């Protein structure tokens, strides 16, 4: 007999036979339990003896009994078969209603607060014991690394060039509009390009020194320039600052609509045809097949696409026509 086991020759069938033989201590009973012939089980036992260098089962007055080596192998073989079953069958089915999982999603601060509220409402109704943590994020942060190491489950973004190694699902397109205080001198009439470019503007602070935002990049490509007189680090501050000045703020329509419900601000169609802001969901391959992560992504996609469909209606040309959005959350 060989003294060293050739582990490459051990397969699942031999492990199952070994477990049954050590449990039943009988070739005939093992054969019946495995629905195989006695000669087949005897052949497998001979093979196991060759591989382990041990008889494994020896005759005794009561039939057959495991050797010391056989007794020592019983628990490891049982565990190995359980691990193989987990690999084949997979994790237990994810049950949202009873899950206490904590999900992490990062979003830019210009995403409409109402959309996050609808995501939270759907999430909590389906998974009342689970938690969701929203993280503020910018494209300059290493969101790809945080997705790869599991710190984040998903990221909602709209940056022109997301990392190619991440998976992506489109959510919705949002129109770029102009926001101003309700009694702004330009309110009540369509914005012209001259009015827009000559007006004072409030703009989001760039993520890096010397970097332009998407609005100013588009204007530069069109060889146009607006008069930015102030920069704001958080989008949610802009509507409140507008009420104290004659500045305009160029932003996503869904974001603007949210504040038009709450504050005396008006919205107007931009006289410059900015490309739509395309939002998408990003995640890493490590979470692609996990049932809980897939369920979480499905909830975000369902809410975001429904909200995007609601937003897909004509935009009035004058601010005064746009005081009450057509849908409420």
C-alpha atoms as a PDB file:
ATOM      1  CA  UNK A   1       0.000   0.000   0.000  1.00  0.00           C
ATOM      2  CA  UNK A   2       1.076   3.556  -0.669  1.00  0.00           C
ATOM      3  CA  UNK A   3       2.166   5.583   2.334  1.00  0.00           C
ATOM      4  CA  UNK A   4       1.184   8.945   0.910  1.00  0.00           C
ATOM      5  CA  UNK A   5      -2.341   9.769  -0.257  1.00  0.00           C
ATOM      6  CA  UNK A   6      -2.684  11.097  -3.791  1.00  0.00           C
ATOM      7  CA  UNK A   7      -5.282  13.791  -3.059  1.00  0.00           C
ATOM      8  CA  UNK A   8      -5.766  14.509  -6.757  1.00  0.00           C
ATOM      9  CA  UNK A   9      -7.456  11.100  -7.020  1.00  0.00           C
ATOM     10  CA  UNK A  10     -10.082  11.843  -4.337  1.00  0.00           C
ATOM     11  CA  UNK A  11     -13.422  12.794  -5.860  1.00  0.00           C
ATOM     12  CA  UNK A  12     -16.870  13.456  -4.423  1.00  0.00           C
ATOM     13  CA  UNK A  13     -18.028   9.906  -5.148  1.00  0.00           C
ATOM     14  CA  UNK A  14     -15.200   8.384  -3.128  1.00  0.00           C
ATOM     15  CA  UNK A  15     -15.833  10.801  -0.275  1.00  0.00           C
ATOM     16  CA  UNK A  16     -19.515   9.806  -0.182  1.00  0.00           C
ATOM     17  CA  UNK A  17     -18.608   6.106  -0.215  1.00  0.00           C
ATOM     18  CA  UNK A  18     -16.042   6.606   2.554  1.00  0.00           C
ATOM     19  CA  UNK A  19     -18.538   8.507   4.704  1.00  0.00           C
ATOM     20  CA  UNK A  20     -21.197   5.826   4.242  1.00  0.00           C
ATOM     21  CA  UNK A  21     -18.788   2.950   4.943  1.00  0.00           C
ATOM     22  CA  UNK A  22     -17.501   4.591   8.129  1.00  0.00           C
ATOM     23  CA  UNK A  23     -21.075   5.325   9.213  1.00  0.00           C
ATOM     24  CA  UNK A  24     -22.664   1.962   8.372  1.00  0.00           C
ATOM     25  CA  UNK A  25     -19.594  -0.253   8.968  1.00  0.00           C
ATOM     26  CA  UNK A  26     -20.987  -2.561   6.257  1.00  0.00           C
ATOM     27  CA  UNK A  27     -20.378  -2.829   2.515  1.00  0.00           C
ATOM     28  CA  UNK A  28     -23.867  -4.199   1.865  1.00  0.00           C
ATOM     29  CA  UNK A  29     -25.678  -1.505   3.875  1.00  0.00           C
ATOM     30  CA  UNK A  30     -23.542   1.237   2.304  1.00  0.00           C
ATOM     31  CA  UNK A  31     -24.415  -0.138  -1.145  1.00  0.00           C
ATOM     32  CA  UNK A  32     -28.146  -0.028  -0.364  1.00  0.00           C
ATOM     33  CA  UNK A  33     -27.951   3.519   1.065  1.00  0.00           C
ATOM     34  CA  UNK A  34     -26.069   4.742  -2.012  1.00  0.00           C
ATOM     35  CA  UNK A  35     -28.245   2.726  -4.414  1.00  0.00           C
ATOM     36  CA  UNK A  36     -25.205   0.962  -5.834  1.00  0.00           C
ATOM     37  CA  UNK A  37     -24.078  -2.657  -6.171  1.00  0.00           C
ATOM     38  CA  UNK A  38     -21.925  -4.344  -3.525  1.00  0.00           C
ATOM     39  CA  UNK A  39     -19.101  -4.994  -6.037  1.00  0.00           C
ATOM     40  CA  UNK A  40     -19.031  -1.247  -6.879  1.00  0.00           C
ATOM     41  CA  UNK A  41     -18.731  -0.306  -3.181  1.00  0.00           C
ATOM     42  CA  UNK A  42     -16.066  -2.989  -2.646  1.00  0.00           C
ATOM     43  CA  UNK A  43     -14.090  -1.581  -5.576  1.00  0.00           C
ATOM     44  CA  UNK A  44     -14.382   1.912  -4.118  1.00  0.00           C
ATOM     45  CA  UNK A  45     -13.193   0.643  -0.705  1.00  0.00           C
ATOM     46  CA  UNK A  46     -10.122  -0.949  -2.308  1.00  0.00           C
ATOM     47  CA  UNK A  47      -9.375   2.352  -4.025  1.00  0.00           C
ATOM     48  CA  UNK A  48      -9.764   4.266  -0.751  1.00  0.00           C
ATOM     49  CA  UNK A  49      -7.403   1.865   1.001  1.00  0.00           C
ATOM     50  CA  UNK A  50      -4.810   2.418  -1.708  1.00  0.00           C
ATOM     51  CA  UNK A  51      -5.148   6.185  -1.491  1.00  0.00           C
ATOM     52  CA  UNK A  52      -5.023   6.439   2.307  1.00  0.00           C
ATOM     53  CA  UNK A  53      -2.558   3.617   2.975  1.00  0.00           C
ATOM     54  CA  UNK A  54      -4.913   2.289   5.656  1.00  0.00           C
ATOM     55  CA  UNK A  55      -7.492  -0.566   5.755  1.00  0.00           C
ATOM     56  CA  UNK A  56     -10.115   1.927   7.050  1.00  0.00           C
ATOM     57  CA  UNK A  57     -12.492  -0.947   7.948  1.00  0.00           C
ATOM     58  CA  UNK A  58     -11.422  -4.293   9.461  1.00  0.00           C
ATOM     59  CA  UNK A  59     -13.371  -7.410  10.413  1.00  0.00           C
ATOM     60  CA  UNK A  60     -14.531  -7.878  13.966  1.00  0.00           C
ATOM     61  CA  UNK A  61     -16.844 -10.303  15.769  1.00  0.00           C
ATOM     62  CA  UNK A  62     -19.784  -7.961  15.075  1.00  0.00           C
ATOM     63  CA  UNK A  63     -19.010  -7.445  11.386  1.00  0.00           C
ATOM     64  CA  UNK A  64     -16.668  -4.596  10.437  1.00  0.00           C
ATOM     65  CA  UNK A  65     -15.263  -1.763  12.523  1.00  0.00           C
ATOM     66  CA  UNK A  66     -13.333   1.370  11.553  1.00  0.00           C
ATOM     67  CA  UNK A  67      -9.613   1.543  12.163  1.00  0.00           C
ATOM     68  CA  UNK A  68      -8.120   4.395  14.181  1.00  0.00           C
ATOM     69  CA  UNK A  69      -7.429   6.146  10.903  1.00  0.00           C
ATOM     70  CA  UNK A  70     -11.005   5.531   9.777  1.00  0.00           C
ATOM     71  CA  UNK A  71     -12.437   6.998  12.988  1.00  0.00           C
ATOM     72  CA  UNK A  72     -10.195  10.062  12.601  1.00  0.00           C
ATOM     73  CA  UNK A  73     -11.397  10.585   9.023  1.00  0.00           C
ATOM     74  CA  UNK A  74     -15.152  10.439   9.721  1.00  0.00           C
ATOM     75  CA  UNK A  75     -15.642  14.035  10.881  1.00  0.00           C
ATOM     76  CA  UNK A  76     -13.352  15.657   8.259  1.00  0.00           C
ATOM     77  CA  UNK A  77     -15.086  13.715   5.489  1.00  0.00           C
ATOM     78  CA  UNK A  78     -18.504  14.739   6.831  1.00  0.00           C
ATOM     79  CA  UNK A  79     -17.409  18.389   6.879  1.00  0.00           C
ATOM     80  CA  UNK A  80     -15.907  18.155   3.394  1.00  0.00           C
ATOM     81  CA  UNK A  81     -19.182  16.830   1.983  1.00  0.00           C
ATOM     82  CA  UNK A  82     -21.104  19.633   3.727  1.00  0.00           C
ATOM     83  CA  UNK A  83     -18.753  22.233   2.225  1.00  0.00           C
ATOM     84  CA  UNK A  84     -19.141  20.738  -1.241  1.00  0.00           C
ATOM     85  CA  UNK A  85     -22.935  20.851  -0.845  1.00  0.00           C
ATOM     86  CA  UNK A  86     -22.729  24.543   0.077  1.00  0.00           C
ATOM     87  CA  UNK A  87     -20.651  25.212  -3.021  1.00  0.00           C
ATOM     88  CA  UNK A  88     -23.118  23.437  -5.285  1.00  0.00           C
ATOM     89  CA  UNK A  89     -26.364  24.565  -3.694  1.00  0.00           C
ATOM     90  CA  UNK A  90     -25.203  28.048  -2.698  1.00  0.00           C
ATOM     91  CA  UNK A  91     -26.141  30.291   0.185  1.00  0.00           C
ATOM     92  CA  UNK A  92     -29.551  30.101   1.866  1.00  0.00           C
ATOM     93  CA  UNK A  93     -32.183  32.051  -0.007  1.00  0.00           C
ATOM     94  CA  UNK A  94     -32.279  35.740   0.893  1.00  0.00           C
ATOM     95  CA  UNK A  95     -35.480  36.691   2.705  1.00  0.00           C
ATOM     96  CA  UNK A  96     -35.935  40.497   2.761  1.00  0.00           C
ATOM     97  CA  UNK A  97     -38.764  40.379   5.307  1.00  0.00           C
ATOM     98  CA  UNK A  98     -36.548  38.824   7.993  1.00  0.00           C
ATOM     99  CA  UNK A  99     -33.109  40.077   6.947  1.00  0.00           C
ATOM    100  CA  UNK A 100     -31.070  42.320   9.258  1.00  0.00           C
ATOM    101  CA  UNK A 101     -28.524  43.072   6.546  1.00  0.00           C
ATOM    102  CA  UNK A 102     -26.993  46.570   6.394  1.00  0.00           C
ATOM    103  CA  UNK A 103     -26.760  47.905   2.820  1.00  0.00           C
ATOM    104  CA  UNK A 104     -24.450  50.772   1.825  1.00  0.00           C
ATOM    105  CA  UNK A 105     -25.109  53.057  -1.149  1.00  0.00           C
ATOM    106  CA  UNK A 106     -23.166  56.165  -2.154  1.00  0.00           C
ATOM    107  CA  UNK A 107     -24.809  59.016  -4.053  1.00  0.00           C
ATOM    108  CA  UNK A 108     -23.805  62.479  -5.295  1.00  0.00           C
ATOM    109  CA  UNK A 109     -25.461  65.290  -3.338  1.00  0.00           C
ATOM    110  CA  UNK A 110     -27.315  66.580  -6.411  1.00  0.00           C
ATOM    111  CA  UNK A 111     -29.482  63.475  -6.584  1.00  0.00           C
ATOM    112  CA  UNK A 112     -33.082  64.448  -5.866  1.00  0.00           C
ATOM    113  CA  UNK A 113     -33.851  63.961  -2.137  1.00  0.00           C
ATOM    114  CA  UNK A 114     -37.348  62.758  -3.024  1.00  0.00           C
ATOM    115  CA  UNK A 115     -35.852  59.894  -5.037  1.00  0.00           C
ATOM    116  CA  UNK A 116     -33.788  58.777  -2.045  1.00  0.00           C
ATOM    117  CA  UNK A 117     -36.949  58.993   0.057  1.00  0.00           C
ATOM    118  CA  UNK A 118     -38.825  56.720  -2.340  1.00  0.00           C
ATOM    119  CA  UNK A 119     -35.942  54.246  -2.374  1.00  0.00           C
ATOM    120  CA  UNK A 120     -35.948  54.206   1.422  1.00  0.00           C
ATOM    121  CA  UNK A 121     -39.725  53.777   1.594  1.00  0.00           C
ATOM    122  CA  UNK A 122     -39.711  50.788  -0.752  1.00  0.00           C
ATOM    123  CA  UNK A 123     -36.696  49.270   0.992  1.00  0.00           C
ATOM    124  CA  UNK A 124     -38.211  49.598   4.467  1.00  0.00           C
ATOM    125  CA  UNK A 125     -41.580  48.200   3.399  1.00  0.00           C
ATOM    126  CA  UNK A 126     -39.961  45.061   1.974  1.00  0.00           C
ATOM    127  CA  UNK A 127     -37.115  44.647   4.493  1.00  0.00           C
ATOM    128  CA  UNK A 128     -38.382  46.228   7.754  1.00  0.00           C
ATOM    129  CA  UNK A 129     -35.548  44.822   9.889  1.00  0.00           C
ATOM    130  CA  UNK A 130     -32.708  45.675   7.492  1.00  0.00           C
ATOM    131  CA  UNK A 131     -30.854  48.986   7.343  1.00  0.00           C
ATOM    132  CA  UNK A 132     -29.718  51.222   4.521  1.00  0.00           C
ATOM    133  CA  UNK A 133     -26.888  53.748   4.858  1.00  0.00           C
ATOM    134  CA  UNK A 134     -26.621  56.566   2.319  1.00  0.00           C
ATOM    135  CA  UNK A 135     -23.101  57.925   1.833  1.00  0.00           C
ATOM    136  CA  UNK A 136     -22.278  61.250   0.195  1.00  0.00           C
ATOM    137  CA  UNK A 137     -19.837  60.832  -2.636  1.00  0.00           C
ATOM    138  CA  UNK A 138     -17.871  62.522  -5.396  1.00  0.00           C
ATOM    139  CA  UNK A 139     -16.216  61.083  -8.514  1.00  0.00           C
ATOM    140  CA  UNK A 140     -12.793  61.989  -7.114  1.00  0.00           C
ATOM    141  CA  UNK A 141     -13.120  59.450  -4.319  1.00  0.00           C
ATOM    142  CA  UNK A 142     -12.027  55.851  -4.782  1.00  0.00           C
ATOM    143  CA  UNK A 143     -15.534  54.454  -5.095  1.00  0.00           C
ATOM    144  CA  UNK A 144     -14.244  51.583  -7.270  1.00  0.00           C
ATOM    145  CA  UNK A 145     -11.978  50.460  -4.442  1.00  0.00           C
ATOM    146  CA  UNK A 146     -14.767  50.764  -1.872  1.00  0.00           C
ATOM    147  CA  UNK A 147     -17.037  48.642  -4.072  1.00  0.00           C
ATOM    148  CA  UNK A 148     -14.262  46.087  -4.563  1.00  0.00           C
ATOM    149  CA  UNK A 149     -13.596  45.648  -0.847  1.00  0.00           C
ATOM    150  CA  UNK A 150     -17.291  45.517   0.092  1.00  0.00           C
ATOM    151  CA  UNK A 151     -17.423  48.828   1.989  1.00  0.00           C
ATOM    152  CA  UNK A 152     -20.079  49.939  -0.506  1.00  0.00           C
ATOM    153  CA  UNK A 153     -22.696  47.743  -2.159  1.00  0.00           C
ATOM    154  CA  UNK A 154     -23.635  50.161  -4.950  1.00  0.00           C
ATOM    155  CA  UNK A 155     -22.922  53.679  -6.176  1.00  0.00           C
ATOM    156  CA  UNK A 156     -25.376  55.944  -7.994  1.00  0.00           C
ATOM    157  CA  UNK A 157     -23.534  58.269 -10.353  1.00  0.00           C
ATOM    158  CA  UNK A 158     -23.641  60.159 -13.620  1.00  0.00           C
ATOM    159  CA  UNK A 159     -19.960  60.782 -14.382  1.00  0.00           C
ATOM    160  CA  UNK A 160     -19.019  60.618 -18.075  1.00  0.00           C
ATOM    161  CA  UNK A 161     -16.432  57.844 -17.720  1.00  0.00           C
ATOM    162  CA  UNK A 162     -17.073  55.357 -14.893  1.00  0.00           C
ATOM    163  CA  UNK A 163     -14.388  52.685 -14.324  1.00  0.00           C
ATOM    164  CA  UNK A 164     -14.645  50.006 -16.984  1.00  0.00           C
ATOM    165  CA  UNK A 165     -14.144  47.173 -14.487  1.00  0.00           C
ATOM    166  CA  UNK A 166     -17.438  47.961 -12.742  1.00  0.00           C
ATOM    167  CA  UNK A 167     -20.858  46.698 -13.767  1.00  0.00           C
ATOM    168  CA  UNK A 168     -23.388  49.329 -14.790  1.00  0.00           C
ATOM    169  CA  UNK A 169     -27.161  49.568 -15.079  1.00  0.00           C
ATOM    170  CA  UNK A 170     -28.821  52.719 -16.539  1.00  0.00           C
ATOM    171  CA  UNK A 171     -31.378  54.370 -14.247  1.00  0.00           C
ATOM    172  CA  UNK A 172     -32.785  57.515 -15.856  1.00  0.00           C
ATOM    173  CA  UNK A 173     -31.909  60.694 -17.772  1.00  0.00           C
ATOM    174  CA  UNK A 174     -32.505  64.087 -16.181  1.00  0.00           C
ATOM    175  CA  UNK A 175     -32.877  67.457 -17.891  1.00  0.00           C
ATOM    176  CA  UNK A 176     -30.632  70.399 -17.004  1.00  0.00           C
ATOM    177  CA  UNK A 177     -32.698  73.435 -15.910  1.00  0.00           C
ATOM    178  CA  UNK A 178     -32.213  76.855 -14.323  1.00  0.00           C
ATOM    179  CA  UNK A 179     -33.332  77.751 -10.822  1.00  0.00           C
ATOM    180  CA  UNK A 180     -33.885  81.280  -9.456  1.00  0.00           C
ATOM    181  CA  UNK A 181     -35.830  83.033  -6.731  1.00  0.00           C
ATOM    182  CA  UNK A 182     -39.503  83.493  -7.469  1.00  0.00           C
ATOM    183  CA  UNK A 183     -39.303  87.296  -7.828  1.00  0.00           C
ATOM    184  CA  UNK A 184     -36.068  87.273  -9.835  1.00  0.00           C
ATOM    185  CA  UNK A 185     -35.948  89.986 -12.574  1.00  0.00           C
ATOM    186  CA  UNK A 186     -35.796  87.212 -15.193  1.00  0.00           C
ATOM    187  CA  UNK A 187     -38.771  85.305 -13.788  1.00  0.00           C
ATOM    188  CA  UNK A 188     -42.009  85.208 -15.749  1.00  0.00           C
ATOM    189  CA  UNK A 189     -40.500  85.171 -19.236  1.00  0.00           C
ATOM    190  CA  UNK A 190     -38.432  82.744 -21.305  1.00  0.00           C
ATOM    191  CA  UNK A 191     -34.696  82.893 -20.714  1.00  0.00           C
ATOM    192  CA  UNK A 192     -32.652  83.996 -23.704  1.00  0.00           C
ATOM    193  CA  UNK A 193     -29.054  82.995 -24.182  1.00  0.00           C
ATOM    194  CA  UNK A 194     -27.978  86.607 -23.595  1.00  0.00           C
ATOM    195  CA  UNK A 195     -29.994  86.808 -20.368  1.00  0.00           C
ATOM    196  CA  UNK A 196     -28.500  83.531 -19.220  1.00  0.00           C
ATOM    197  CA  UNK A 197     -24.859  84.345 -20.008  1.00  0.00           C
ATOM    198  CA  UNK A 198     -25.070  87.915 -18.659  1.00  0.00           C
ATOM    199  CA  UNK A 199     -26.728  86.855 -15.378  1.00  0.00           C
ATOM    200  CA  UNK A 200     -24.792  86.153 -12.205  1.00  0.00           C
ATOM    201  CA  UNK A 201     -24.438  82.451 -11.521  1.00  0.00           C
ATOM    202  CA  UNK A 202     -24.009  80.240  -8.488  1.00  0.00           C
ATOM    203  CA  UNK A 203     -22.092  77.051  -9.283  1.00  0.00           C
ATOM    204  CA  UNK A 204     -21.070  73.876  -7.420  1.00  0.00           C
ATOM    205  CA  UNK A 205     -17.511  73.912  -6.109  1.00  0.00           C
ATOM    206  CA  UNK A 206     -15.267  71.805  -8.401  1.00  0.00           C
ATOM    207  CA  UNK A 207     -14.087  68.497  -6.974  1.00  0.00           C
ATOM    208  CA  UNK A 208     -10.469  69.435  -7.660  1.00  0.00           C
ATOM    209  CA  UNK A 209      -8.552  72.688  -8.065  1.00  0.00           C
ATOM    210  CA  UNK A 210      -8.639  73.860 -11.673  1.00  0.00           C
ATOM    211  CA  UNK A 211     -11.278  71.314 -12.668  1.00  0.00           C
ATOM    212  CA  UNK A 212     -14.443  72.459 -14.442  1.00  0.00           C
ATOM    213  CA  UNK A 213     -17.898  71.113 -13.820  1.00  0.00           C
ATOM    214  CA  UNK A 214     -20.012  69.523 -16.559  1.00  0.00           C
ATOM    215  CA  UNK A 215     -21.898  72.777 -17.228  1.00  0.00           C
ATOM    216  CA  UNK A 216     -18.772  74.883 -17.738  1.00  0.00           C
ATOM    217  CA  UNK A 217     -17.106  72.131 -19.773  1.00  0.00           C
ATOM    218  CA  UNK A 218     -20.078  72.155 -22.137  1.00  0.00           C
ATOM    219  CA  UNK A 219     -20.010  75.961 -22.358  1.00  0.00           C
ATOM    220  CA  UNK A 220     -16.279  75.875 -23.091  1.00  0.00           C
ATOM    221  CA  UNK A 221     -16.849  73.411 -25.942  1.00  0.00           C
ATOM    222  CA  UNK A 222     -19.471  75.796 -27.328  1.00  0.00           C
ATOM    223  CA  UNK A 223     -17.052  78.735 -26.806  1.00  0.00           C
ATOM    224  CA  UNK A 224     -19.432  80.345 -24.344  1.00  0.00           C
ATOM    225  CA  UNK A 225     -18.805  81.689 -20.855  1.00  0.00           C
ATOM    226  CA  UNK A 226     -21.158  82.515 -17.985  1.00  0.00           C
ATOM    227  CA  UNK A 227     -20.514  84.853 -15.068  1.00  0.00           C
ATOM    228  CA  UNK A 228     -19.988  82.668 -11.991  1.00  0.00           C
ATOM    229  CA  UNK A 229     -19.781  84.915  -8.928  1.00  0.00           C
ATOM    230  CA  UNK A 230     -20.002  82.313  -6.159  1.00  0.00           C
ATOM    231  CA  UNK A 231     -19.317  78.621  -5.575  1.00  0.00           C
ATOM    232  CA  UNK A 232     -21.225  76.371  -3.195  1.00  0.00           C
ATOM    233  CA  UNK A 233     -19.854  73.084  -1.772  1.00  0.00           C
ATOM    234  CA  UNK A 234     -23.247  71.374  -1.392  1.00  0.00           C
ATOM    235  CA  UNK A 235     -26.087  71.442  -3.881  1.00  0.00           C
ATOM    236  CA  UNK A 236     -28.697  71.562  -1.127  1.00  0.00           C
ATOM    237  CA  UNK A 237     -27.413  74.990  -0.015  1.00  0.00           C
ATOM    238  CA  UNK A 238     -27.948  76.583  -3.426  1.00  0.00           C
ATOM    239  CA  UNK A 239     -31.763  77.089  -3.294  1.00  0.00           C
ATOM    240  CA  UNK A 240     -31.491  78.968   0.004  1.00  0.00           C
ATOM    241  CA  UNK A 241     -28.684  81.173  -1.318  1.00  0.00           C
ATOM    242  CA  UNK A 242     -30.716  82.013  -4.430  1.00  0.00           C
ATOM    243  CA  UNK A 243     -33.462  83.592  -2.347  1.00  0.00           C
ATOM    244  CA  UNK A 244     -31.009  86.262  -1.167  1.00  0.00           C
ATOM    245  CA  UNK A 245     -29.563  87.190  -4.576  1.00  0.00           C
ATOM    246  CA  UNK A 246     -30.187  87.543  -8.295  1.00  0.00           C
ATOM    247  CA  UNK A 247     -28.051  84.523  -9.148  1.00  0.00           C
ATOM    248  CA  UNK A 248     -29.106  81.581 -11.303  1.00  0.00           C
ATOM    249  CA  UNK A 249     -28.301  77.967 -10.472  1.00  0.00           C
ATOM    250  CA  UNK A 250     -28.027  75.365 -13.239  1.00  0.00           C
ATOM    251  CA  UNK A 251     -28.863  71.895 -11.957  1.00  0.00           C
ATOM    252  CA  UNK A 252     -30.742  68.616 -12.586  1.00  0.00           C
ATOM    253  CA  UNK A 253     -34.457  69.069 -13.016  1.00  0.00           C
ATOM    254  CA  UNK A 254     -35.555  66.485 -10.396  1.00  0.00           C
ATOM    255  CA  UNK A 255     -33.356  68.196  -7.806  1.00  0.00           C
ATOM    256  CA  UNK A 256     -34.823  71.591  -8.722  1.00  0.00           C
ATOM    257  CA  UNK A 257     -38.411  70.316  -8.663  1.00  0.00           C
ATOM    258  CA  UNK A 258     -37.953  69.060  -5.120  1.00  0.00           C
ATOM    259  CA  UNK A 259     -37.001  72.520  -3.850  1.00  0.00           C
ATOM    260  CA  UNK A 260     -39.668  74.230  -5.975  1.00  0.00           C
ATOM    261  CA  UNK A 261     -42.224  72.433  -3.789  1.00  0.00           C
ATOM    262  CA  UNK A 262     -40.643  73.711  -0.590  1.00  0.00           C
ATOM    263  CA  UNK A 263     -39.272  77.195  -1.278  1.00  0.00           C
ATOM    264  CA  UNK A 264     -40.234  80.358  -3.229  1.00  0.00           C
ATOM    265  CA  UNK A 265     -37.965  79.424  -6.133  1.00  0.00           C
ATOM    266  CA  UNK A 266     -38.868  79.115  -9.798  1.00  0.00           C
ATOM    267  CA  UNK A 267     -37.524  76.937 -12.593  1.00  0.00           C
ATOM    268  CA  UNK A 268     -36.997  77.718 -16.246  1.00  0.00           C
ATOM    269  CA  UNK A 269     -35.831  75.845 -19.300  1.00  0.00           C
ATOM    270  CA  UNK A 270     -32.190  76.495 -20.082  1.00  0.00           C
ATOM    271  CA  UNK A 271     -31.666  78.453 -23.320  1.00  0.00           C
ATOM    272  CA  UNK A 272     -28.557  76.335 -23.907  1.00  0.00           C
ATOM    273  CA  UNK A 273     -29.099  72.727 -24.907  1.00  0.00           C
ATOM    274  CA  UNK A 274     -27.061  70.914 -22.313  1.00  0.00           C
ATOM    275  CA  UNK A 275     -26.820  67.150 -22.783  1.00  0.00           C
ATOM    276  CA  UNK A 276     -29.082  65.219 -20.408  1.00  0.00           C
ATOM    277  CA  UNK A 277     -27.597  63.989 -17.147  1.00  0.00           C
ATOM    278  CA  UNK A 278     -27.610  60.201 -17.405  1.00  0.00           C
ATOM    279  CA  UNK A 279     -27.699  58.465 -14.027  1.00  0.00           C
ATOM    280  CA  UNK A 280     -26.661  54.850 -13.551  1.00  0.00           C
ATOM    281  CA  UNK A 281     -26.030  52.246 -10.869  1.00  0.00           C
ATOM    282  CA  UNK A 282     -22.510  50.835 -10.373  1.00  0.00           C
ATOM    283  CA  UNK A 283     -21.400  47.691  -8.555  1.00  0.00           C
ATOM    284  CA  UNK A 284     -18.453  45.298  -8.439  1.00  0.00           C
ATOM    285  CA  UNK A 285     -18.252  41.702  -9.662  1.00  0.00           C
ATOM    286  CA  UNK A 286     -17.793  40.521  -6.066  1.00  0.00           C
ATOM    287  CA  UNK A 287     -21.445  41.391  -5.375  1.00  0.00           C
ATOM    288  CA  UNK A 288     -22.888  40.535  -8.778  1.00  0.00           C
ATOM    289  CA  UNK A 289     -24.162  37.041  -7.939  1.00  0.00           C
ATOM    290  CA  UNK A 290     -24.995  37.567  -4.248  1.00  0.00           C
ATOM    291  CA  UNK A 291     -28.753  37.246  -3.853  1.00  0.00           C
ATOM    292  CA  UNK A 292     -29.052  39.981  -1.213  1.00  0.00           C
ATOM    293  CA  UNK A 293     -27.061  42.458  -3.295  1.00  0.00           C
ATOM    294  CA  UNK A 294     -29.023  41.596  -6.427  1.00  0.00           C
ATOM    295  CA  UNK A 295     -32.295  42.190  -4.550  1.00  0.00           C
ATOM    296  CA  UNK A 296     -31.022  45.559  -3.285  1.00  0.00           C
ATOM    297  CA  UNK A 297     -30.045  46.661  -6.800  1.00  0.00           C
ATOM    298  CA  UNK A 298     -33.431  45.633  -8.149  1.00  0.00           C
ATOM    299  CA  UNK A 299     -35.224  47.878  -5.647  1.00  0.00           C
ATOM    300  CA  UNK A 300     -33.107  50.908  -6.561  1.00  0.00           C
ATOM    301  CA  UNK A 301     -33.522  50.307 -10.281  1.00  0.00           C
ATOM    302  CA  UNK A 302     -37.299  49.878  -9.986  1.00  0.00           C
ATOM    303  CA  UNK A 303     -37.767  53.113  -8.002  1.00  0.00           C
ATOM    304  CA  UNK A 304     -35.314  55.164 -10.072  1.00  0.00           C
ATOM    305  CA  UNK A 305     -36.750  54.102 -13.423  1.00  0.00           C
ATOM    306  CA  UNK A 306     -40.305  54.767 -12.241  1.00  0.00           C
ATOM    307  CA  UNK A 307     -39.232  58.221 -11.072  1.00  0.00           C
ATOM    308  CA  UNK A 308     -37.444  58.822 -14.357  1.00  0.00           C
ATOM    309  CA  UNK A 309     -40.608  57.956 -16.274  1.00  0.00           C
ATOM    310  CA  UNK A 310     -42.542  60.480 -14.178  1.00  0.00           C
ATOM    311  CA  UNK A 311     -39.954  63.133 -14.976  1.00  0.00           C
ATOM    312  CA  UNK A 312     -40.220  62.534 -18.724  1.00  0.00           C
ATOM    313  CA  UNK A 313     -42.737  65.307 -19.466  1.00  0.00           C
ATOM    314  CA  UNK A 314     -42.390  68.629 -21.330  1.00  0.00           C
ATOM    315  CA  UNK A 315     -40.528  71.367 -19.469  1.00  0.00           C
ATOM    316  CA  UNK A 316     -42.307  74.760 -19.397  1.00  0.00           C
ATOM    317  CA  UNK A 317     -40.377  77.607 -20.936  1.00  0.00           C
ATOM    318  CA  UNK A 318     -41.169  80.154 -18.217  1.00  0.00           C
ATOM    319  CA  UNK A 319     -40.531  79.909 -14.487  1.00  0.00           C
ATOM    320  CA  UNK A 320     -44.029  81.017 -13.526  1.00  0.00           C
ATOM    321  CA  UNK A 321     -45.548  78.054 -15.403  1.00  0.00           C
ATOM    322  CA  UNK A 322     -43.568  75.702 -13.271  1.00  0.00           C
ATOM    323  CA  UNK A 323     -44.548  76.402  -9.678  1.00  0.00           C
ATOM    324  CA  UNK A 324     -46.330  73.101  -9.069  1.00  0.00           C
ATOM    325  CA  UNK A 325     -44.709  69.934 -10.454  1.00  0.00           C
ATOM    326  CA  UNK A 326     -47.100  67.388 -11.891  1.00  0.00           C
ATOM    327  CA  UNK A 327     -46.196  64.645  -9.441  1.00  0.00           C
ATOM    328  CA  UNK A 328     -45.810  64.598  -5.686  1.00  0.00           C
ATOM    329  CA  UNK A 329     -43.954  62.093  -3.560  1.00  0.00           C
END
